[in-house]
């Protein structure tokens, strides 16, 4: 399913990057998203794509949390992409 929906995520306005994560032993999957700004994240949460994934019958315990970035240490560890910086 992830491979099928990846192009739709690539087209999300304001989404800079999505890292797809998995723990196949427990059947847990998710993503780490980097948005250009909070407004883009909020638009994504209201999108048909987000609602479709959240409402998919094979997916449970869907959540989305907004975190800020600690920019100084993140720059030290090369965590910010040039497009965001």
N, C-alpha and C. Protein backbone atom coordinates (compact mmCIF):
# COMPACT_ATOMS: atom_id res chain seq x y z
N UNK A 1 0.82 -1.19 0.00
CA UNK A 1 0.00 0.00 0.00
C UNK A 1 0.87 1.26 0.00
N UNK A 2 1.98 1.23 0.73
CA UNK A 2 2.84 2.42 0.82
C UNK A 2 3.35 2.83 -0.55
N UNK A 3 3.79 1.86 -1.33
CA UNK A 3 4.29 2.17 -2.67
C UNK A 3 3.20 2.78 -3.54
N UNK A 4 1.97 2.33 -3.35
CA UNK A 4 0.86 2.83 -4.15
C UNK A 4 0.51 4.28 -3.83
N UNK A 5 0.58 4.67 -2.56
CA UNK A 5 0.17 6.02 -2.17
C UNK A 5 1.33 7.02 -2.13
N UNK A 6 2.57 6.54 -2.26
CA UNK A 6 3.73 7.45 -2.20
C UNK A 6 3.64 8.61 -3.19
N UNK A 7 3.22 8.38 -4.45
CA UNK A 7 3.12 9.52 -5.37
C UNK A 7 2.12 10.58 -4.92
N UNK A 8 1.04 10.17 -4.26
CA UNK A 8 0.07 11.14 -3.76
C UNK A 8 0.68 11.99 -2.66
N UNK A 9 1.49 11.39 -1.80
CA UNK A 9 2.17 12.15 -0.75
C UNK A 9 3.21 13.09 -1.36
N UNK A 10 3.89 12.65 -2.40
CA UNK A 10 4.89 13.49 -3.05
C UNK A 10 4.28 14.77 -3.61
N UNK A 11 3.00 14.74 -3.89
CA UNK A 11 2.31 15.90 -4.47
C UNK A 11 1.66 16.81 -3.44
N UNK A 12 1.79 16.50 -2.16
CA UNK A 12 1.16 17.31 -1.10
C UNK A 12 1.83 18.69 -1.06
N UNK A 13 1.05 19.76 -1.23
CA UNK A 13 1.63 21.10 -1.17
C UNK A 13 2.23 21.39 0.21
N UNK A 14 3.46 21.89 0.21
CA UNK A 14 4.11 22.25 1.46
C UNK A 14 4.84 21.12 2.15
N UNK A 15 4.72 19.88 1.63
CA UNK A 15 5.44 18.76 2.21
C UNK A 15 6.85 18.75 1.63
N UNK A 16 7.83 18.94 2.50
CA UNK A 16 9.22 18.97 2.07
C UNK A 16 9.77 17.55 1.97
N UNK A 17 9.41 16.71 2.95
CA UNK A 17 9.97 15.36 3.00
C UNK A 17 9.08 14.46 3.85
N UNK A 18 9.00 13.21 3.45
CA UNK A 18 8.35 12.18 4.27
C UNK A 18 9.30 10.99 4.33
N UNK A 19 9.60 10.54 5.53
CA UNK A 19 10.39 9.34 5.73
C UNK A 19 9.41 8.25 6.17
N UNK A 20 9.38 7.18 5.42
CA UNK A 20 8.47 6.06 5.70
C UNK A 20 9.17 5.12 6.69
N UNK A 21 8.49 4.79 7.77
CA UNK A 21 9.09 3.94 8.80
C UNK A 21 8.25 2.69 9.02
N UNK A 22 8.91 1.65 9.51
CA UNK A 22 8.19 0.39 9.75
C UNK A 22 8.81 -0.40 10.89
N UNK A 23 7.96 -1.17 11.53
CA UNK A 23 8.38 -2.22 12.44
C UNK A 23 7.53 -3.42 12.03
N UNK A 24 8.02 -4.15 11.05
CA UNK A 24 7.22 -5.24 10.47
C UNK A 24 6.91 -6.33 11.48
N UNK A 25 7.75 -6.50 12.49
CA UNK A 25 7.49 -7.53 13.50
C UNK A 25 6.19 -7.26 14.25
N UNK A 26 5.91 -5.98 14.50
CA UNK A 26 4.67 -5.63 15.22
C UNK A 26 3.58 -5.14 14.28
N UNK A 27 3.90 -5.00 13.00
CA UNK A 27 2.90 -4.50 12.05
C UNK A 27 2.65 -3.01 12.22
N UNK A 28 3.65 -2.29 12.69
CA UNK A 28 3.51 -0.85 12.91
C UNK A 28 4.23 -0.09 11.81
N UNK A 29 3.52 0.85 11.21
CA UNK A 29 4.07 1.65 10.12
C UNK A 29 3.74 3.11 10.37
N UNK A 30 4.53 3.98 9.81
CA UNK A 30 4.26 5.40 10.00
C UNK A 30 5.15 6.24 9.13
N UNK A 31 5.21 7.52 9.48
CA UNK A 31 6.04 8.43 8.72
C UNK A 31 6.48 9.60 9.57
N UNK A 32 7.61 10.14 9.19
CA UNK A 32 8.10 11.38 9.78
C UNK A 32 8.03 12.40 8.65
N UNK A 33 7.26 13.43 8.87
CA UNK A 33 6.98 14.42 7.84
C UNK A 33 7.68 15.73 8.19
N UNK A 34 8.17 16.40 7.17
CA UNK A 34 8.70 17.75 7.34
C UNK A 34 7.94 18.66 6.40
N UNK A 35 7.19 19.58 6.99
CA UNK A 35 6.41 20.54 6.20
C UNK A 35 7.11 21.88 6.19
N UNK A 36 6.83 22.64 5.17
CA UNK A 36 7.43 23.98 5.04
C UNK A 36 7.02 24.86 6.21
N UNK A 37 5.77 24.72 6.65
CA UNK A 37 5.29 25.51 7.78
C UNK A 37 4.07 24.84 8.39
N UNK A 38 3.62 25.37 9.50
CA UNK A 38 2.48 24.80 10.22
C UNK A 38 1.20 24.86 9.38
N UNK A 39 1.05 25.91 8.59
CA UNK A 39 -0.15 26.03 7.76
C UNK A 39 -0.24 24.88 6.75
N UNK A 40 0.89 24.47 6.19
CA UNK A 40 0.90 23.35 5.25
C UNK A 40 0.51 22.05 5.96
N UNK A 41 1.00 21.88 7.19
CA UNK A 41 0.62 20.70 7.98
C UNK A 41 -0.88 20.71 8.26
N UNK A 42 -1.41 21.86 8.63
CA UNK A 42 -2.85 21.96 8.91
C UNK A 42 -3.68 21.67 7.66
N UNK A 43 -3.24 22.16 6.51
CA UNK A 43 -3.96 21.88 5.26
C UNK A 43 -3.92 20.38 4.97
N UNK A 44 -2.77 19.75 5.20
CA UNK A 44 -2.65 18.31 4.97
C UNK A 44 -3.63 17.55 5.86
N UNK A 45 -3.72 17.91 7.14
CA UNK A 45 -4.64 17.21 8.05
C UNK A 45 -6.09 17.33 7.60
N UNK A 46 -6.43 18.38 6.86
CA UNK A 46 -7.78 18.55 6.36
C UNK A 46 -7.99 17.99 4.96
N UNK A 47 -6.96 17.40 4.39
CA UNK A 47 -7.03 16.94 3.00
C UNK A 47 -7.75 15.60 2.86
N UNK A 48 -8.22 15.34 1.65
CA UNK A 48 -8.83 14.05 1.35
C UNK A 48 -7.83 12.92 1.50
N UNK A 49 -6.55 13.18 1.18
CA UNK A 49 -5.53 12.14 1.33
C UNK A 49 -5.41 11.72 2.79
N UNK A 50 -5.29 12.68 3.70
CA UNK A 50 -5.17 12.36 5.12
C UNK A 50 -6.42 11.63 5.61
N UNK A 51 -7.58 12.13 5.24
CA UNK A 51 -8.83 11.50 5.67
C UNK A 51 -8.96 10.09 5.12
N UNK A 52 -8.51 9.89 3.87
CA UNK A 52 -8.59 8.56 3.26
C UNK A 52 -7.69 7.56 3.96
N UNK A 53 -6.48 7.98 4.30
CA UNK A 53 -5.56 7.09 5.01
C UNK A 53 -6.09 6.82 6.42
N UNK A 54 -6.52 7.87 7.09
CA UNK A 54 -7.02 7.72 8.46
C UNK A 54 -8.26 6.84 8.53
N UNK A 55 -9.05 6.83 7.46
CA UNK A 55 -10.28 6.04 7.45
C UNK A 55 -10.14 4.68 6.81
N UNK A 56 -8.92 4.32 6.40
CA UNK A 56 -8.72 3.03 5.73
C UNK A 56 -9.01 1.89 6.71
N UNK A 57 -9.79 0.90 6.29
CA UNK A 57 -10.19 -0.17 7.22
C UNK A 57 -9.03 -1.04 7.73
N UNK A 58 -7.92 -1.09 7.02
CA UNK A 58 -6.80 -1.91 7.47
C UNK A 58 -5.82 -1.15 8.36
N UNK A 59 -6.09 0.12 8.59
CA UNK A 59 -5.19 0.94 9.41
C UNK A 59 -5.90 1.34 10.70
N UNK A 60 -5.20 1.24 11.81
CA UNK A 60 -5.78 1.60 13.10
C UNK A 60 -4.83 2.50 13.87
N UNK A 61 -5.37 3.16 14.86
CA UNK A 61 -4.59 4.03 15.75
C UNK A 61 -3.79 5.09 15.00
N UNK A 62 -4.42 5.69 14.00
CA UNK A 62 -3.78 6.76 13.23
C UNK A 62 -3.72 8.01 14.10
N UNK A 63 -2.57 8.65 14.11
CA UNK A 63 -2.44 9.91 14.83
C UNK A 63 -1.49 10.83 14.07
N UNK A 64 -1.64 12.11 14.31
CA UNK A 64 -0.76 13.11 13.72
C UNK A 64 -0.44 14.12 14.81
N UNK A 65 0.83 14.33 15.07
CA UNK A 65 1.26 15.28 16.09
C UNK A 65 2.17 16.30 15.45
N UNK A 66 2.04 17.52 15.91
CA UNK A 66 2.84 18.63 15.41
C UNK A 66 3.97 18.91 16.40
N UNK A 67 5.19 18.89 15.91
CA UNK A 67 6.34 19.21 16.73
C UNK A 67 7.10 20.36 16.08
N UNK A 68 7.69 21.20 16.90
CA UNK A 68 8.58 22.23 16.40
C UNK A 68 9.97 21.64 16.19
N UNK A 69 10.85 22.43 15.61
CA UNK A 69 12.22 22.00 15.37
C UNK A 69 13.16 22.82 16.24
N UNK A 70 14.05 22.14 16.93
CA UNK A 70 15.14 22.81 17.65
C UNK A 70 16.23 23.04 16.61
N UNK A 71 16.25 24.25 16.05
CA UNK A 71 17.07 24.50 14.87
C UNK A 71 18.58 24.41 15.12
N UNK A 72 19.08 24.95 16.21
CA UNK A 72 20.53 24.97 16.42
C UNK A 72 21.13 23.55 16.47
N UNK A 73 20.65 22.66 17.35
CA UNK A 73 21.24 21.32 17.36
C UNK A 73 20.92 20.53 16.10
N UNK A 74 19.79 20.82 15.48
CA UNK A 74 19.44 20.12 14.25
C UNK A 74 20.41 20.47 13.13
N UNK A 75 20.84 21.73 13.07
CA UNK A 75 21.84 22.12 12.07
C UNK A 75 23.18 21.42 12.34
N UNK A 76 23.54 21.27 13.60
CA UNK A 76 24.81 20.60 13.95
C UNK A 76 24.81 19.17 13.44
N UNK A 77 23.65 18.51 13.50
CA UNK A 77 23.57 17.11 13.08
C UNK A 77 23.06 16.96 11.65
N UNK A 78 23.09 18.05 10.88
CA UNK A 78 22.70 18.05 9.46
C UNK A 78 21.26 17.61 9.24
N UNK A 79 20.40 17.93 10.17
CA UNK A 79 19.02 17.48 10.09
C UNK A 79 18.10 18.34 9.24
N UNK A 80 18.47 19.58 8.98
CA UNK A 80 17.60 20.43 8.18
C UNK A 80 17.99 20.34 6.72
N UNK A 81 16.99 20.18 5.88
CA UNK A 81 17.22 20.17 4.45
C UNK A 81 17.44 21.58 3.97
N UNK A 82 18.21 21.74 2.93
CA UNK A 82 18.50 23.06 2.37
C UNK A 82 17.23 23.81 2.01
N UNK A 83 16.22 23.10 1.50
CA UNK A 83 14.98 23.74 1.08
C UNK A 83 14.26 24.40 2.25
N UNK A 84 14.45 23.88 3.45
CA UNK A 84 13.77 24.40 4.62
C UNK A 84 14.62 25.51 5.26
N UNK A 85 15.91 25.34 5.23
CA UNK A 85 16.82 26.27 5.91
C UNK A 85 16.90 27.60 5.26
